[in-house]
């Protein structure tokens, strides 16, 4: 049996993992990965920079980006990527796509990141030695390198792909955006992608990008991760995938808050009080107290400050010592799990906190010292320990129960979402809103039932369900993939959805309509996938291989900016030349020192 067959049959190279054969439907090479939080994190390192076209209603204009004019700028090479001469219009397409994408993700929060789209980008600092224009230049260059590297490889491999669907979808998005912005398509395209952009030339960029994405997907689909590779990775990284069960009791040090005197002025009576005088404004009281404390601190001599700090340290040490004594007392009384639980209410600082932790990953254990103790390879069931938490000013009494690899399965499911959201306006009464919501809910339910009936009265297969999902589902994260979510873990989906797919009685081919806060879901249960730990390692290894593939593919592509349009490239060159000059000077200095040393040594020998 080949490694690939072993993987399909769940034989993870000797590790107890079951991955049964299941029917999987592929939808060309345009497959979009679902955007649910956990899998999005797993695949974030994937080649996402060319994953699609983002159109937002924000009309970014030229954003103060200073670009040279003239015929050569419009028709000549703006920058060269490998053997490809990239015109300014194409460069701006990727440049502004990066801005549009960031805006669609962060929206008005961009200002908190120090980015103001109404001001020149080259006058706003992204970081110490980099402007926001430099940042978006880097993004554009990175995308261009990836797109051209992939399309070159695709051409060399004889890979063919019809990107008309992506292009048509892009055109529809542009037309809708133009209508919403009350602009012509031509003006909208120029505003969104630069003054030289036309619908035709941007369509060609979308087509090239789509071919690159499709070719990347084809390489990824053909990249095999063997069971032996998964097992080896697991053996080398067990701490990241194993779970532990344990008991923990936190005993905090009882450290009194440092007293701060509020010194009143003579006008207030010239007396000292333990608490600040009440005022009409609480903020004024806080400010006066802080000011008094700062004044008091400033008037202390260095010796007095040192004495005060030493006094506070002594108080904390005494409190920690007392907490340690209590922790040791509890430890000495523990005989088994039940005794630990009985002692917990007596010793825990917060007796209402959870005492037992089950199926916990190392990354979720806090503090880190407890995590290190629990995941020590020498740990045995029944081990106990008192562990100090210096930063938290506490001690933990810990009881180790077990360490293991969680063999919980993941599942694959398809669904068709019919949203029950109602269109309401601010001028509607509460009764009108309630009626609109009720009507929307009834309409969504009826539509879901009609789609379900259409499927049952047709071929009633997984493929026919997937086709209906593509045509009807309002879940943008899965509709393009036939409504498919793969390797779903417990708790990942909303409650009703989760409960249905993880019902113990669930079996492949089961269907039903499930209601959630999002609307009505026509469900199709595909079946069990691999265990969660297996899918995570598989995803990590695939991501690593694809990152290596892209690095090797793009490293040889040289970017040349003869006209000085992209500042950060020349800063890099200057830094490189500076480093080379410094190295040369250092070498020269070293050679000079060697020669001098040699002359001195020769003289000494002659004198001898």
Protein backbone atom coordinates (compact mmCIF):
# COMPACT_ATOMS: atom_id res chain seq x y z
CA UNK A 1 0.00 0.00 0.00
CA UNK A 2 1.36 3.45 -0.97
CA UNK A 3 1.76 6.31 1.51
CA UNK A 4 -1.09 8.14 -0.16
CA UNK A 5 -3.38 5.13 0.19
CA UNK A 6 -2.33 4.73 3.83
CA UNK A 7 -3.20 8.35 4.45
CA UNK A 8 -6.62 7.92 2.86
CA UNK A 9 -7.28 4.87 5.01
CA UNK A 10 -6.21 6.65 8.19
CA UNK A 11 -2.88 4.92 8.80
CA UNK A 12 -0.76 7.74 10.16
CA UNK A 13 2.53 5.96 10.17
CA UNK A 14 1.91 3.94 13.32
CA UNK A 15 0.08 6.64 15.30
CA UNK A 16 -3.45 5.71 16.31
CA UNK A 17 -5.32 7.85 13.81
CA UNK A 18 -8.28 6.89 11.71
CA UNK A 19 -8.83 8.64 8.41
CA UNK A 20 -11.44 6.61 6.49
CA UNK A 21 -11.99 6.81 2.78
CA UNK A 22 -14.65 9.29 1.82
CA UNK A 23 -15.99 10.70 -1.40
CA UNK A 24 -14.55 14.16 -2.03
CA UNK A 25 -15.85 16.46 -4.75
CA UNK A 26 -13.41 18.94 -6.32
CA UNK A 27 -14.69 22.09 -7.93
CA UNK A 28 -12.01 22.85 -10.51
CA UNK A 29 -8.93 24.66 -9.30
CA UNK A 30 -10.78 27.75 -8.07
CA UNK A 31 -11.34 26.23 -4.64
CA UNK A 32 -11.56 28.80 -1.91
CA UNK A 33 -10.50 27.86 1.59
CA UNK A 34 -13.08 28.53 4.27
CA UNK A 35 -12.63 31.55 6.43
CA UNK A 36 -13.60 30.15 9.82
CA UNK A 37 -11.21 31.45 12.48
CA UNK A 38 -9.15 28.39 13.30
CA UNK A 39 -8.57 27.18 9.74
CA UNK A 40 -7.98 30.74 8.62
CA UNK A 41 -5.09 30.88 11.09
CA UNK A 42 -3.74 27.56 9.90
CA UNK A 43 -3.70 28.69 6.29
CA UNK A 44 -2.75 32.35 6.80
CA UNK A 45 0.79 31.63 5.66
CA UNK A 46 -0.64 30.21 2.43
CA UNK A 47 -0.24 32.10 -0.80
CA UNK A 48 -3.03 34.51 0.06
CA UNK A 49 -1.70 37.59 -1.65
CA UNK A 50 -3.27 36.63 -4.98
CA UNK A 51 -6.29 34.80 -3.61
CA UNK A 52 -8.81 37.14 -5.18
CA UNK A 53 -9.98 40.58 -6.13
CA UNK A 54 -11.32 42.91 -3.46
CA UNK A 55 -13.65 45.71 -4.51
CA UNK A 56 -14.73 48.19 -1.84
CA UNK A 57 -16.99 51.17 -2.05
CA UNK A 58 -14.26 53.47 -0.81
CA UNK A 59 -13.01 55.58 -3.68
CA UNK A 60 -9.37 55.96 -2.76
CA UNK A 61 -8.41 58.40 -5.49
CA UNK A 62 -4.72 59.04 -5.89
CA UNK A 63 -4.13 59.33 -2.12
CA UNK A 64 -1.45 61.91 -2.62
CA UNK A 65 0.84 59.37 -4.30
CA UNK A 66 3.21 61.44 -6.42
CA UNK A 67 3.62 59.82 -9.84
CA UNK A 68 5.43 61.22 -12.81
CA UNK A 69 3.43 62.04 -15.93
CA UNK A 70 4.21 61.89 -19.60
CA UNK A 71 4.08 59.39 -22.44
CA UNK A 72 6.94 57.23 -21.21
CA UNK A 73 5.31 56.92 -17.79
CA UNK A 74 2.05 55.77 -19.38
CA UNK A 75 3.46 53.37 -21.94
CA UNK A 76 7.02 52.51 -20.87
CA UNK A 77 8.20 50.13 -18.21
CA UNK A 78 7.39 51.44 -14.76
CA UNK A 79 9.32 48.58 -13.17
CA UNK A 80 10.82 45.33 -14.46
CA UNK A 81 10.07 42.00 -12.77
CA UNK A 82 12.36 39.34 -14.14
CA UNK A 83 11.97 39.56 -17.91
CA UNK A 84 8.58 41.29 -17.66
CA UNK A 85 8.18 45.02 -18.19
CA UNK A 86 5.38 46.19 -15.95
CA UNK A 87 3.57 49.36 -16.97
CA UNK A 88 2.44 51.90 -14.45
CA UNK A 89 -1.26 50.97 -14.84
CA UNK A 90 -0.55 47.37 -13.86
CA UNK A 91 1.65 48.42 -10.96
CA UNK A 92 -1.07 50.75 -9.68
CA UNK A 93 -3.63 47.94 -9.92
CA UNK A 94 -1.68 45.91 -7.34
CA UNK A 95 -0.75 48.99 -5.33
CA UNK A 96 -4.35 50.13 -4.91
CA UNK A 97 -5.65 46.60 -4.53
CA UNK A 98 -3.50 46.41 -1.42
CA UNK A 99 -5.06 49.62 -0.09
CA UNK A 100 -8.60 48.47 -0.94
CA UNK A 101 -7.99 45.12 0.73
CA UNK A 102 -6.67 46.73 3.90
CA UNK A 103 -9.60 49.14 4.03
CA UNK A 104 -12.13 46.36 3.53
CA UNK A 105 -10.56 44.48 6.46
CA UNK A 106 -9.92 47.32 8.92
CA UNK A 107 -12.28 50.06 7.77
CA UNK A 108 -12.30 53.10 10.03
CA UNK A 109 -9.79 51.45 12.36
CA UNK A 110 -7.02 52.39 9.93
CA UNK A 111 -6.60 55.67 11.79
CA UNK A 112 -5.56 53.72 14.89
CA UNK A 113 -2.79 52.20 12.78
CA UNK A 114 -1.55 55.65 11.83
CA UNK A 115 -2.91 55.60 8.28
CA UNK A 116 -4.96 58.48 6.88
CA UNK A 117 -6.08 57.79 3.31
CA UNK A 118 -6.84 61.47 2.74
CA UNK A 119 -3.17 62.42 3.07
CA UNK A 120 -0.05 61.60 1.00
CA UNK A 121 1.16 58.09 1.84
CA UNK A 122 4.82 59.04 1.47
CA UNK A 123 4.44 61.56 4.30
CA UNK A 124 3.04 59.06 6.82
CA UNK A 125 5.34 56.76 8.78
CA UNK A 126 4.52 53.06 8.80
CA UNK A 127 7.54 52.33 10.95
CA UNK A 128 10.82 54.04 11.80
CA UNK A 129 12.44 53.85 8.37
CA UNK A 130 9.40 53.11 6.24
CA UNK A 131 6.41 55.13 5.00
CA UNK A 132 2.98 53.77 4.17
CA UNK A 133 3.81 54.23 0.49
CA UNK A 134 6.86 52.00 1.05
CA UNK A 135 4.60 49.42 2.69
CA UNK A 136 2.11 49.28 -0.18
CA UNK A 137 5.00 49.33 -2.67
CA UNK A 138 6.37 46.21 -1.01
CA UNK A 139 2.96 44.55 -1.17
CA UNK A 140 2.61 45.38 -4.87
CA UNK A 141 6.11 44.14 -5.73
CA UNK A 142 5.50 40.95 -3.75
CA UNK A 143 2.28 40.25 -5.63
CA UNK A 144 3.81 41.01 -9.01
CA UNK A 145 6.71 38.63 -8.34
CA UNK A 146 4.35 35.86 -7.29
CA UNK A 147 1.94 36.34 -10.19
CA UNK A 148 4.64 36.43 -12.87
CA UNK A 149 6.61 33.57 -11.33
CA UNK A 150 3.52 31.38 -11.26
CA UNK A 151 2.26 32.29 -14.73
CA UNK A 152 5.72 31.67 -16.16
CA UNK A 153 5.76 28.25 -14.52
CA UNK A 154 2.22 27.58 -15.71
CA UNK A 155 3.16 28.40 -19.30
CA UNK A 156 6.27 26.22 -19.13
CA UNK A 157 4.19 23.33 -17.76
CA UNK A 158 1.55 23.72 -20.47
CA UNK A 159 -1.06 24.57 -17.83
CA UNK A 160 -4.26 26.04 -19.24
CA UNK A 161 -7.04 27.71 -17.30
CA UNK A 162 -10.18 29.59 -18.33
CA UNK A 163 -10.44 32.62 -16.04
CA UNK A 164 -13.57 34.03 -17.71
CA UNK A 165 -15.72 33.33 -14.65
CA UNK A 166 -13.40 35.34 -12.38
CA UNK A 167 -13.18 38.17 -14.90
CA UNK A 168 -16.96 38.31 -15.33
CA UNK A 169 -17.40 38.33 -11.56
CA UNK A 170 -14.93 41.19 -11.32
CA UNK A 171 -16.78 43.19 -13.95
CA UNK A 172 -20.07 42.67 -12.11
CA UNK A 173 -18.43 43.88 -8.88
CA UNK A 174 -17.09 46.98 -10.61
CA UNK A 175 -20.45 47.78 -12.17
CA UNK A 176 -22.19 47.38 -8.81
CA UNK A 177 -19.54 49.53 -7.11
CA UNK A 178 -19.86 52.24 -9.73
CA UNK A 179 -23.64 52.28 -9.35
CA UNK A 180 -23.41 52.54 -5.57
CA UNK A 181 -20.85 55.36 -5.86
CA UNK A 182 -22.96 57.10 -8.52
CA UNK A 183 -20.04 57.10 -10.95
CA UNK A 184 -19.45 55.83 -14.45
CA UNK A 185 -17.61 52.50 -14.70
CA UNK A 186 -14.64 54.30 -16.26
CA UNK A 187 -14.41 56.88 -13.46
CA UNK A 188 -14.90 54.25 -10.81
CA UNK A 189 -12.07 52.09 -12.17
CA UNK A 190 -9.73 55.08 -12.33
CA UNK A 191 -10.63 56.14 -8.79
CA UNK A 192 -10.17 52.64 -7.45
CA UNK A 193 -7.06 51.55 -9.39
CA UNK A 194 -5.25 54.67 -10.56
CA UNK A 195 -5.64 57.34 -13.19
CA UNK A 196 -4.34 55.13 -16.01
CA UNK A 197 -6.66 52.21 -15.24
CA UNK A 198 -9.28 51.17 -17.77
CA UNK A 199 -11.75 48.32 -17.45
CA UNK A 200 -10.02 46.41 -20.24
CA UNK A 201 -6.49 46.59 -18.87
CA UNK A 202 -7.64 45.80 -15.31
CA UNK A 203 -9.55 42.78 -16.67
CA UNK A 204 -6.28 41.51 -18.13
CA UNK A 205 -4.60 41.85 -14.72
CA UNK A 206 -7.46 39.98 -13.06
CA UNK A 207 -7.15 37.23 -15.66
CA UNK A 208 -3.39 36.86 -15.12
CA UNK A 209 -3.81 36.84 -11.35
CA UNK A 210 -6.56 34.22 -11.60
CA UNK A 211 -4.39 31.95 -13.73
CA UNK A 212 -1.59 32.30 -11.18
CA UNK A 213 -3.98 31.39 -8.37
CA UNK A 214 -5.32 28.39 -10.28
CA UNK A 215 -1.82 27.13 -11.02
CA UNK A 216 -0.83 27.56 -7.38
CA UNK A 217 -3.90 25.57 -6.35
CA UNK A 218 -3.01 22.82 -8.79
CA UNK A 219 0.48 22.56 -7.27
CA UNK A 220 -0.97 22.54 -3.77
CA UNK A 221 -3.52 19.84 -4.68
CA UNK A 222 -0.71 17.70 -6.09
CA UNK A 223 1.51 18.18 -3.04
CA UNK A 224 1.31 15.05 -0.92
CA UNK A 225 1.72 14.90 2.83
CA UNK A 226 2.41 11.32 3.85
CA UNK A 227 1.39 9.66 7.07
CA UNK A 228 5.05 9.13 7.89
CA UNK A 229 5.70 12.86 7.55
CA UNK A 230 2.83 13.59 9.92
CA UNK A 231 4.10 11.04 12.44
CA UNK A 232 7.65 12.39 12.31
CA UNK A 233 6.43 15.96 12.80
CA UNK A 234 4.26 14.89 15.71
CA UNK A 235 7.14 13.05 17.37
CA UNK A 236 9.27 16.18 17.11
CA UNK A 237 6.53 18.53 18.36
CA UNK A 238 4.45 16.51 20.81
CA UNK A 239 4.14 19.38 23.26
CA UNK A 240 2.16 21.36 20.67
CA UNK A 241 -0.43 18.64 20.08
CA UNK A 242 -0.77 16.60 23.27
CA UNK A 243 -3.38 17.41 25.91
CA UNK A 244 -3.22 17.18 29.70
CA UNK A 245 -5.72 16.73 32.51
CA UNK A 246 -4.73 18.27 35.82
CA UNK A 247 -5.90 19.98 39.01
CA UNK A 248 -4.65 23.43 40.01
CA UNK A 249 -5.12 25.64 43.04
CA UNK A 250 -3.98 29.26 42.91
CA UNK A 251 -2.89 30.79 46.20
CA UNK A 252 -2.22 34.50 45.81
CA UNK A 253 0.10 36.50 48.05
CA UNK A 254 -1.88 38.89 50.23
CA UNK A 255 -0.01 42.10 49.43
CA UNK A 256 -1.56 45.26 50.90
CA UNK A 257 -1.91 48.17 48.52
CA UNK A 258 0.74 50.84 48.95
CA UNK A 259 -0.71 53.72 50.94
CA UNK A 260 -0.64 57.13 49.33
CA UNK A 261 -0.99 60.23 51.49
CA UNK A 262 -3.04 63.10 50.18
CA UNK A 263 -1.41 66.28 51.45
CA UNK A 264 -3.92 69.12 51.57
CA UNK A 265 -2.92 72.75 51.15
CA UNK A 266 -3.08 75.29 53.96
CA UNK A 267 -6.20 76.70 52.34
CA UNK A 268 -7.87 73.33 52.93
CA UNK A 269 -6.92 73.30 56.57
CA UNK A 270 -3.27 72.21 56.38
CA UNK A 271 -3.99 68.68 57.64
CA UNK A 272 -3.04 65.25 56.34
CA UNK A 273 -5.77 62.70 55.71
CA UNK A 274 -5.70 59.01 54.81
CA UNK A 275 -8.24 59.49 52.03
CA UNK A 276 -8.68 62.28 49.51
CA UNK A 277 -11.38 64.80 50.22
CA UNK A 278 -14.61 64.28 48.28
CA UNK A 279 -15.19 66.53 45.30
CA UNK A 280 -18.02 66.98 42.84
CA UNK A 281 -15.93 65.41 40.07
CA UNK A 282 -14.38 62.00 40.65
CA UNK A 283 -11.77 62.60 37.96
CA UNK A 284 -10.60 65.74 39.78
CA UNK A 285 -10.14 63.72 42.97
CA UNK A 286 -8.10 61.08 41.14
CA UNK A 287 -5.96 63.76 39.53
CA UNK A 288 -5.34 65.51 42.85
CA UNK A 289 -4.40 62.20 44.50
CA UNK A 290 -1.99 61.31 41.69
CA UNK A 291 -0.49 64.80 41.78
CA UNK A 292 -0.05 64.60 45.54
CA UNK A 293 1.61 61.19 45.21
CA UNK A 294 3.92 62.46 42.47
CA UNK A 295 4.77 65.54 44.56
CA UNK A 296 5.52 63.38 47.56
CA UNK A 297 7.75 61.08 45.50
CA UNK A 298 9.58 64.00 43.93
CA UNK A 299 10.34 65.48 47.37
CA UNK A 300 11.92 62.24 48.61
CA UNK A 301 15.69 61.95 48.50
CA UNK A 302 17.32 59.07 46.64
CA UNK A 303 18.02 57.36 49.95
CA UNK A 304 14.39 57.74 51.02
CA UNK A 305 13.18 56.38 47.69
CA UNK A 306 15.49 53.39 48.02
CA UNK A 307 14.29 52.80 51.57
CA UNK A 308 10.66 53.00 50.47
CA UNK A 309 11.26 50.51 47.65
CA UNK A 310 13.10 48.17 50.00
CA UNK A 311 10.21 48.38 52.45
CA UNK A 312 7.71 47.48 49.71
CA UNK A 313 9.89 44.59 48.52
CA UNK A 314 10.07 43.29 52.08
CA UNK A 315 6.27 43.43 52.35
CA UNK A 316 5.89 41.50 49.08
CA UNK A 317 8.50 38.92 50.07
CA UNK A 318 6.74 38.34 53.39
CA UNK A 319 3.39 37.95 51.63
CA UNK A 320 4.90 35.52 49.09
CA UNK A 321 6.51 33.55 51.90
CA UNK A 322 3.17 33.24 53.63
CA UNK A 323 1.52 32.10 50.37
CA UNK A 324 4.31 29.54 49.91
CA UNK A 325 3.73 28.23 53.42
CA UNK A 326 0.04 27.74 52.71
CA UNK A 327 0.82 26.07 49.38
CA UNK A 328 3.25 23.67 51.04
CA UNK A 329 0.68 22.88 53.73
CA UNK A 330 -1.89 21.99 51.09
CA UNK A 331 0.64 19.92 49.16
CA UNK A 332 1.49 17.86 52.25
CA UNK A 333 -2.18 17.06 52.84
CA UNK A 334 -2.87 15.82 49.29
CA UNK A 335 -3.16 12.05 48.91
CA UNK A 336 -5.23 11.73 45.71
CA UNK A 337 -7.53 13.67 43.38
CA UNK A 338 -10.49 13.67 45.74
CA UNK A 339 -8.40 15.01 48.62
CA UNK A 340 -7.13 17.81 46.35
CA UNK A 341 -10.69 18.80 45.52
CA UNK A 342 -11.68 18.74 49.20
CA UNK A 343 -8.74 20.98 50.14
CA UNK A 344 -9.37 23.38 47.26
CA UNK A 345 -12.11 25.42 48.94
CA UNK A 346 -9.92 25.88 52.01
CA UNK A 347 -6.76 27.09 50.25
CA UNK A 348 -7.76 28.63 46.90
CA UNK A 349 -7.79 32.41 46.74
CA UNK A 350 -10.89 32.15 44.58
CA UNK A 351 -12.72 28.96 45.59
CA UNK A 352 -15.30 29.52 42.82
CA UNK A 353 -12.66 29.13 40.09
CA UNK A 354 -12.49 25.84 38.21
CA UNK A 355 -10.27 23.31 39.95
CA UNK A 356 -10.08 20.62 37.24
CA UNK A 357 -8.66 21.31 33.79
CA UNK A 358 -9.33 18.71 31.10
CA UNK A 359 -8.04 18.27 27.56
CA UNK A 360 -5.85 21.37 27.79
CA UNK A 361 -3.14 22.18 25.25
CA UNK A 362 0.19 23.57 26.42
CA UNK A 363 -0.43 26.94 24.79
CA UNK A 364 -3.54 27.35 26.95
CA UNK A 365 -1.86 26.62 30.29
CA UNK A 366 -0.99 29.65 32.42
CA UNK A 367 1.42 30.56 33.87
CA UNK A 368 4.17 29.16 31.65
CA UNK A 369 6.00 27.59 34.59
CA UNK A 370 2.97 25.36 35.22
CA UNK A 371 2.85 24.45 31.53
CA UNK A 372 6.53 23.47 31.53
CA UNK A 373 6.04 21.26 34.60
CA UNK A 374 2.94 19.55 33.21
CA UNK A 375 4.54 18.79 29.85
CA UNK A 376 7.83 17.54 31.25
CA UNK A 377 8.44 14.10 29.71
CA UNK A 378 9.20 12.70 33.17
CA UNK A 379 5.72 13.56 34.47
CA UNK A 380 3.76 10.67 36.00
CA UNK A 381 0.12 10.35 37.06
CA UNK A 382 -0.31 11.55 40.63
CA UNK A 383 2.71 13.90 40.60
CA UNK A 384 2.21 17.07 42.65
CA UNK A 385 4.17 20.29 42.89
CA UNK A 386 4.14 23.84 44.22
CA UNK A 387 5.03 26.25 41.41
CA UNK A 388 5.81 29.93 41.85
CA UNK A 389 4.22 32.56 39.63
CA UNK A 390 6.56 35.52 40.14
CA UNK A 391 4.76 37.97 37.87
CA UNK A 392 1.36 37.05 39.29
CA UNK A 393 2.57 37.14 42.90
CA UNK A 394 1.11 33.71 43.62
CA UNK A 395 1.83 30.00 44.03
CA UNK A 396 0.10 27.14 42.27
CA UNK A 397 -0.44 23.73 43.79
CA UNK A 398 -0.68 21.38 40.81
CA UNK A 399 -1.77 17.74 40.53
CA UNK A 400 -0.94 15.89 37.30
CA UNK A 401 -3.58 13.43 36.10
CA UNK A 402 -2.75 12.43 32.51
CA UNK A 403 -1.13 13.41 29.23
CA UNK A 404 -2.42 12.07 25.92
CA UNK A 405 -3.08 12.67 22.25
CA UNK A 406 -6.73 13.61 21.74
CA UNK A 407 -8.23 11.31 19.09
CA UNK A 408 -11.40 13.34 18.54
CA UNK A 409 -12.53 13.21 14.94
CA UNK A 410 -13.24 16.16 12.72
CA UNK A 411 -16.06 16.06 10.19
CA UNK A 412 -16.85 17.29 6.70
CA UNK A 413 -20.21 18.88 6.01
CA UNK A 414 -21.97 20.78 3.24
CA UNK A 415 -24.70 23.31 3.84
CA UNK A 416 -26.85 25.85 2.05
CA UNK A 417 -27.48 28.99 4.08
CA UNK A 418 -30.62 31.00 3.50
CA UNK A 419 -30.29 34.17 5.54
CA UNK A 420 -33.24 35.33 7.63
CA UNK A 421 -31.96 38.89 8.06
CA UNK A 422 -34.69 41.49 7.60
CA UNK A 423 -34.27 44.85 5.93
CA UNK A 424 -35.26 47.50 8.46
CA UNK A 425 -34.85 51.26 8.64
CA UNK A 426 -34.48 53.66 11.54
CA UNK A 427 -37.83 55.33 10.84
CA UNK A 428 -39.69 52.02 11.32
CA UNK A 429 -41.57 51.41 14.56
CA UNK A 430 -40.67 48.45 16.77
CA UNK A 431 -43.85 46.73 15.63
CA UNK A 432 -42.95 47.27 11.98
CA UNK A 433 -39.45 45.95 12.57
CA UNK A 434 -40.81 42.88 14.33
CA UNK A 435 -43.21 42.25 11.43
CA UNK A 436 -40.40 42.64 8.88
CA UNK A 437 -38.20 40.21 10.82
CA UNK A 438 -41.03 37.69 11.11
CA UNK A 439 -41.75 37.91 7.38
CA UNK A 440 -38.05 37.58 6.49
CA UNK A 441 -37.79 34.52 8.71
CA UNK A 442 -40.84 32.92 7.11
CA UNK A 443 -39.53 33.63 3.61
CA UNK A 444 -36.11 32.18 4.45
CA UNK A 445 -37.68 29.04 5.89
CA UNK A 446 -39.88 28.56 2.85
CA UNK A 447 -36.94 29.05 0.47
CA UNK A 448 -34.85 26.53 2.41
CA UNK A 449 -37.69 24.01 2.26
CA UNK A 450 -38.10 24.58 -1.48
CA UNK A 451 -34.38 24.00 -2.10
CA UNK A 452 -34.43 20.91 0.09
CA UNK A 453 -37.43 19.56 -1.83
CA UNK A 454 -35.72 20.30 -5.15
CA UNK A 455 -32.69 18.30 -4.04
CA UNK A 456 -34.74 15.32 -2.81
CA UNK A 457 -36.82 15.27 -5.99
CA UNK A 458 -33.69 15.37 -8.16
CA UNK A 459 -30.62 13.13 -8.15
CA UNK A 460 -30.32 13.54 -4.37
CA UNK A 461 -26.52 13.08 -4.43
CA UNK A 462 -23.67 14.99 -2.83
CA UNK A 463 -22.75 16.45 -6.20
CA UNK A 464 -26.28 17.72 -6.84
CA UNK A 465 -26.35 19.20 -3.32
CA UNK A 466 -23.06 20.98 -3.99
CA UNK A 467 -24.47 22.44 -7.21
CA UNK A 468 -27.47 23.81 -5.34
CA UNK A 469 -25.16 25.27 -2.69
CA UNK A 470 -23.13 27.11 -5.32
CA UNK A 471 -26.30 28.53 -6.82
CA UNK A 472 -28.21 29.41 -3.65
CA UNK A 473 -26.10 29.55 -0.47
CA UNK A 474 -25.58 32.95 1.11
CA UNK A 475 -22.53 31.80 3.07
CA UNK A 476 -19.66 33.46 1.18
CA UNK A 477 -17.13 31.33 3.04
CA UNK A 478 -18.31 28.08 1.45
CA UNK A 479 -20.73 28.72 -1.41
CA UNK A 480 -18.05 28.73 -4.11
CA UNK A 481 -16.93 25.32 -2.85
CA UNK A 482 -20.34 23.71 -2.95
CA UNK A 483 -21.11 24.62 0.65
CA UNK A 484 -18.27 22.42 1.90
CA UNK A 485 -16.56 22.83 5.27
CA UNK A 486 -13.76 20.35 5.88
CA UNK A 487 -12.19 19.12 9.12
CA UNK A 488 -14.68 20.93 11.33
CA UNK A 489 -13.95 20.61 15.06
CA UNK A 490 -16.40 20.53 17.95
CA UNK A 491 -17.41 24.00 19.03
CA UNK A 492 -16.19 25.63 15.84
CA UNK A 493 -19.66 26.26 14.43
CA UNK A 494 -22.67 27.91 16.06
CA UNK A 495 -24.53 25.75 18.59
CA UNK A 496 -27.39 24.27 16.53
CA UNK A 497 -25.09 23.66 13.55
CA UNK A 498 -22.48 22.06 15.81
CA UNK A 499 -24.99 19.88 17.64
CA UNK A 500 -26.39 18.48 14.42
CA UNK A 501 -23.10 17.53 12.79
CA UNK A 502 -21.66 16.04 16.00
CA UNK A 503 -24.75 14.05 16.94
CA UNK A 504 -23.59 10.52 17.82
CA UNK A 505 -26.21 9.11 15.45
CA UNK A 506 -25.01 11.19 12.49
CA UNK A 507 -23.98 9.17 9.44
CA UNK A 508 -22.78 10.04 5.88
CA UNK A 509 -25.56 11.24 3.63
CA UNK A 510 -27.80 12.55 6.41
CA UNK A 511 -29.73 15.70 5.50
CA UNK A 512 -31.97 18.11 7.38
CA UNK A 513 -32.87 21.78 7.78
CA UNK A 514 -31.30 23.43 10.84
CA UNK A 515 -32.15 26.90 12.14
CA UNK A 516 -29.49 29.21 13.66
CA UNK A 517 -29.21 32.93 14.31
CA UNK A 518 -27.91 33.28 10.74
CA UNK A 519 -31.00 31.77 9.15
CA UNK A 520 -31.87 28.32 7.83
CA UNK A 521 -29.23 25.77 6.84
CA UNK A 522 -30.00 22.90 4.50
CA UNK A 523 -27.48 20.35 5.80
CA UNK A 524 -25.66 17.46 4.13
CA UNK A 525 -23.35 15.38 6.32
CA UNK A 526 -20.36 14.18 4.26
CA UNK A 527 -18.67 12.11 6.97
CA UNK A 528 -15.74 11.84 9.34
CA UNK A 529 -12.42 13.38 8.46
CA UNK A 530 -9.07 12.76 10.18
CA UNK A 531 -8.48 13.48 13.85
CA UNK A 532 -7.98 17.15 14.71
CA UNK A 533 -4.28 16.86 15.56
CA UNK A 534 -3.66 15.07 12.26
CA UNK A 535 -5.38 17.72 10.15
CA UNK A 536 -3.49 20.49 11.94
CA UNK A 537 -0.10 18.90 11.29
CA UNK A 538 -1.11 18.08 7.71
CA UNK A 539 -2.07 21.74 7.17
CA UNK A 540 1.18 22.97 8.76
CA UNK A 541 3.34 20.68 6.61
CA UNK A 542 1.46 21.64 3.46
CA UNK A 543 1.84 25.33 4.30
CA UNK A 544 5.57 24.87 4.91
CA UNK A 545 6.03 23.06 1.60
CA UNK A 546 4.12 25.70 -0.32
CA UNK A 547 6.03 28.52 1.35
CA UNK A 548 9.26 26.83 0.35
CA UNK A 549 7.94 26.36 -3.18
CA UNK A 550 7.05 30.05 -3.52
CA UNK A 551 10.33 31.19 -1.99
CA UNK A 552 12.32 29.09 -4.47
CA UNK A 553 10.12 30.31 -7.31
CA UNK A 554 10.40 34.04 -6.59
CA UNK A 555 13.94 34.35 -5.21
CA UNK A 556 15.46 34.34 -8.67
CA UNK A 557 13.15 37.10 -9.98
CA UNK A 558 15.03 40.39 -9.97
CA UNK A 559 13.07 43.62 -9.63
CA UNK A 560 14.61 46.61 -11.43
CA UNK A 561 13.41 50.19 -10.92
CA UNK A 562 15.56 52.25 -13.28
CA UNK A 563 13.40 55.36 -13.02
CA UNK A 564 13.43 55.57 -9.24
CA UNK A 565 9.68 55.21 -8.74
CA UNK A 566 9.88 52.86 -5.75
CA UNK A 567 11.81 54.42 -2.89
CA UNK A 568 12.14 51.39 -0.61
CA UNK A 569 14.02 49.43 -3.29
CA UNK A 570 16.72 52.10 -3.42
CA UNK A 571 16.89 52.39 0.34
CA UNK A 572 17.61 48.66 0.41
CA UNK A 573 20.28 49.09 -2.25
CA UNK A 574 21.87 51.97 -0.29
CA UNK A 575 21.89 49.93 2.90
CA UNK A 576 23.40 47.00 1.00
CA UNK A 577 26.12 49.22 -0.53
CA UNK A 578 26.77 50.79 2.88
CA UNK A 579 27.14 47.35 4.43
CA UNK A 580 29.48 46.32 1.60
CA UNK A 581 31.57 49.48 2.00
CA UNK A 582 31.74 48.95 5.75
CA UNK A 583 32.80 45.35 5.25
CA UNK A 584 35.45 46.45 2.76
CA UNK A 585 36.75 49.11 5.14
CA UNK A 586 36.82 46.58 7.96
CA UNK A 587 38.74 44.16 5.75
CA UNK A 588 41.18 46.89 4.75
CA UNK A 589 41.68 47.91 8.37
CA UNK A 590 42.23 44.30 9.33
CA UNK A 591 44.72 43.83 6.51
CA UNK A 592 46.55 46.99 7.62
CA UNK A 593 46.68 45.77 11.19
CA UNK A 594 47.98 42.41 10.01
CA UNK A 595 50.70 44.05 7.95
CA UNK A 596 51.69 46.28 10.87
CA UNK A 597 51.74 43.31 13.19
CA UNK A 598 53.85 41.45 10.67
CA UNK A 599 56.33 44.33 10.44
CA UNK A 600 56.55 44.59 14.23
CA UNK A 601 57.10 40.88 14.56
CA UNK A 602 59.87 40.97 11.92
CA UNK A 603 61.60 43.82 13.71
CA UNK A 604 61.49 41.97 16.99
CA UNK A 605 63.03 38.88 15.45
CA UNK A 606 65.82 40.97 13.89
CA UNK A 607 66.55 42.66 17.18
CA UNK A 608 66.79 39.30 18.84
